[in-house]
């Protein structure tokens, strides 16, 4: 693993340096990545690790920079319950 990648303090994800961000932006023809925690607390994993009874959220920003939040409530998973998803 590159020296610019490291395990975060919670040991559930990784942190990375500015050179990784620059490479990602170039490869994906993007100009900017916003750290959601610097704008608003956004957490996209409802019922995180099955230990937290939290909702998740996404922020959508359009071309005029108008934004909206989408709240993601967690769904209880019961044995034998199948969720049919469209393709």
C-alpha atoms as a PDB file:
ATOM      1  CA  UNK A   1       0.000   0.000   0.000  1.00  0.00           C
ATOM      2  CA  UNK A   2       1.252   3.499  -0.825  1.00  0.00           C
ATOM      3  CA  UNK A   3       2.635   5.667   1.954  1.00  0.00           C
ATOM      4  CA  UNK A   4      -0.073   8.186   1.107  1.00  0.00           C
ATOM      5  CA  UNK A   5      -2.791   5.726   2.220  1.00  0.00           C
ATOM      6  CA  UNK A   6      -3.316   4.808   5.877  1.00  0.00           C
ATOM      7  CA  UNK A   7      -5.949   3.225   8.133  1.00  0.00           C
ATOM      8  CA  UNK A   8      -8.167   5.788   9.861  1.00  0.00           C
ATOM      9  CA  UNK A   9      -8.374   5.976  13.657  1.00  0.00           C
ATOM     10  CA  UNK A  10     -11.609   3.904  13.733  1.00  0.00           C
ATOM     11  CA  UNK A  11      -9.965   1.196  11.615  1.00  0.00           C
ATOM     12  CA  UNK A  12     -12.995   0.897   9.309  1.00  0.00           C
ATOM     13  CA  UNK A  13     -11.732   2.895   6.328  1.00  0.00           C
ATOM     14  CA  UNK A  14      -8.643   4.567   4.906  1.00  0.00           C
ATOM     15  CA  UNK A  15      -7.355   8.115   4.667  1.00  0.00           C
ATOM     16  CA  UNK A  16      -5.331   9.380   1.734  1.00  0.00           C
ATOM     17  CA  UNK A  17      -3.186  12.317   0.744  1.00  0.00           C
ATOM     18  CA  UNK A  18      -3.507  15.163  -1.770  1.00  0.00           C
ATOM     19  CA  UNK A  19      -1.580  13.305  -4.479  1.00  0.00           C
ATOM     20  CA  UNK A  20      -4.270  10.588  -4.446  1.00  0.00           C
ATOM     21  CA  UNK A  21      -6.992  13.203  -4.816  1.00  0.00           C
ATOM     22  CA  UNK A  22      -5.173  14.877  -7.721  1.00  0.00           C
ATOM     23  CA  UNK A  23      -4.750  11.548  -9.500  1.00  0.00           C
ATOM     24  CA  UNK A  24      -8.445  10.682  -8.988  1.00  0.00           C
ATOM     25  CA  UNK A  25      -9.555  14.090 -10.315  1.00  0.00           C
ATOM     26  CA  UNK A  26      -7.374  13.768 -13.435  1.00  0.00           C
ATOM     27  CA  UNK A  27      -8.487  10.191 -14.169  1.00  0.00           C
ATOM     28  CA  UNK A  28     -12.181  11.104 -13.799  1.00  0.00           C
ATOM     29  CA  UNK A  29     -12.051  14.520 -15.524  1.00  0.00           C
ATOM     30  CA  UNK A  30     -13.234  16.288 -12.378  1.00  0.00           C
ATOM     31  CA  UNK A  31     -12.267  19.652 -10.891  1.00  0.00           C
ATOM     32  CA  UNK A  32     -13.288  19.327  -7.260  1.00  0.00           C
ATOM     33  CA  UNK A  33     -14.067  16.908  -4.456  1.00  0.00           C
ATOM     34  CA  UNK A  34     -15.880  18.339  -1.419  1.00  0.00           C
ATOM     35  CA  UNK A  35     -15.327  16.829   1.986  1.00  0.00           C
ATOM     36  CA  UNK A  36     -18.886  16.574   3.276  1.00  0.00           C
ATOM     37  CA  UNK A  37     -17.767  16.972   6.881  1.00  0.00           C
ATOM     38  CA  UNK A  38     -16.464  20.432   6.056  1.00  0.00           C
ATOM     39  CA  UNK A  39     -19.804  21.449   4.508  1.00  0.00           C
ATOM     40  CA  UNK A  40     -22.319  19.562   6.617  1.00  0.00           C
ATOM     41  CA  UNK A  41     -22.272  16.283   8.472  1.00  0.00           C
ATOM     42  CA  UNK A  42     -23.332  13.727   5.850  1.00  0.00           C
ATOM     43  CA  UNK A  43     -23.291  10.063   6.723  1.00  0.00           C
ATOM     44  CA  UNK A  44     -24.458   7.721   4.000  1.00  0.00           C
ATOM     45  CA  UNK A  45     -24.605   4.471   5.982  1.00  0.00           C
ATOM     46  CA  UNK A  46     -27.940   3.982   7.762  1.00  0.00           C
ATOM     47  CA  UNK A  47     -27.720   1.634  10.768  1.00  0.00           C
ATOM     48  CA  UNK A  48     -23.917   1.816  10.590  1.00  0.00           C
ATOM     49  CA  UNK A  49     -22.264  -1.575  11.257  1.00  0.00           C
ATOM     50  CA  UNK A  50     -25.658  -2.767  12.619  1.00  0.00           C
ATOM     51  CA  UNK A  51     -24.639  -1.079  15.880  1.00  0.00           C
ATOM     52  CA  UNK A  52     -25.998   2.442  15.462  1.00  0.00           C
ATOM     53  CA  UNK A  53     -29.648   3.363  14.964  1.00  0.00           C
ATOM     54  CA  UNK A  54     -28.748   6.266  12.701  1.00  0.00           C
ATOM     55  CA  UNK A  55     -30.227   7.555   9.476  1.00  0.00           C
ATOM     56  CA  UNK A  56     -27.957   8.187   6.513  1.00  0.00           C
ATOM     57  CA  UNK A  57     -28.034  11.145   4.153  1.00  0.00           C
ATOM     58  CA  UNK A  58     -26.915  12.213   0.712  1.00  0.00           C
ATOM     59  CA  UNK A  59     -26.530  15.738  -0.539  1.00  0.00           C
ATOM     60  CA  UNK A  60     -27.354  16.475  -4.187  1.00  0.00           C
ATOM     61  CA  UNK A  61     -25.981  19.629  -5.813  1.00  0.00           C
ATOM     62  CA  UNK A  62     -27.217  20.735  -9.238  1.00  0.00           C
ATOM     63  CA  UNK A  63     -25.433  22.811 -11.892  1.00  0.00           C
ATOM     64  CA  UNK A  64     -26.681  26.060 -10.299  1.00  0.00           C
ATOM     65  CA  UNK A  65     -25.232  24.947  -6.924  1.00  0.00           C
ATOM     66  CA  UNK A  66     -28.684  24.457  -5.405  1.00  0.00           C
ATOM     67  CA  UNK A  67     -28.620  21.568  -2.983  1.00  0.00           C
ATOM     68  CA  UNK A  68     -30.972  19.208  -1.222  1.00  0.00           C
ATOM     69  CA  UNK A  69     -30.563  16.465   1.354  1.00  0.00           C
ATOM     70  CA  UNK A  70     -31.979  12.977   0.939  1.00  0.00           C
ATOM     71  CA  UNK A  71     -32.491  11.178   4.259  1.00  0.00           C
ATOM     72  CA  UNK A  72     -31.920   7.416   4.193  1.00  0.00           C
ATOM     73  CA  UNK A  73     -33.670   5.593   7.030  1.00  0.00           C
ATOM     74  CA  UNK A  74     -32.415   2.106   7.735  1.00  0.00           C
ATOM     75  CA  UNK A  75     -34.567  -0.887   6.899  1.00  0.00           C
ATOM     76  CA  UNK A  76     -34.885  -3.731   9.384  1.00  0.00           C
ATOM     77  CA  UNK A  77     -33.623  -6.930   7.809  1.00  0.00           C
ATOM     78  CA  UNK A  78     -35.693  -9.901   8.891  1.00  0.00           C
ATOM     79  CA  UNK A  79     -34.761 -13.509   8.138  1.00  0.00           C
ATOM     80  CA  UNK A  80     -36.514 -14.732   5.010  1.00  0.00           C
ATOM     81  CA  UNK A  81     -37.406 -11.220   3.817  1.00  0.00           C
ATOM     82  CA  UNK A  82     -36.406 -10.694   0.200  1.00  0.00           C
ATOM     83  CA  UNK A  83     -36.281  -7.285  -1.412  1.00  0.00           C
ATOM     84  CA  UNK A  84     -36.888  -7.268  -5.155  1.00  0.00           C
ATOM     85  CA  UNK A  85     -34.843  -4.643  -6.954  1.00  0.00           C
ATOM     86  CA  UNK A  86     -35.414  -3.389 -10.472  1.00  0.00           C
ATOM     87  CA  UNK A  87     -32.575  -3.496 -12.952  1.00  0.00           C
END
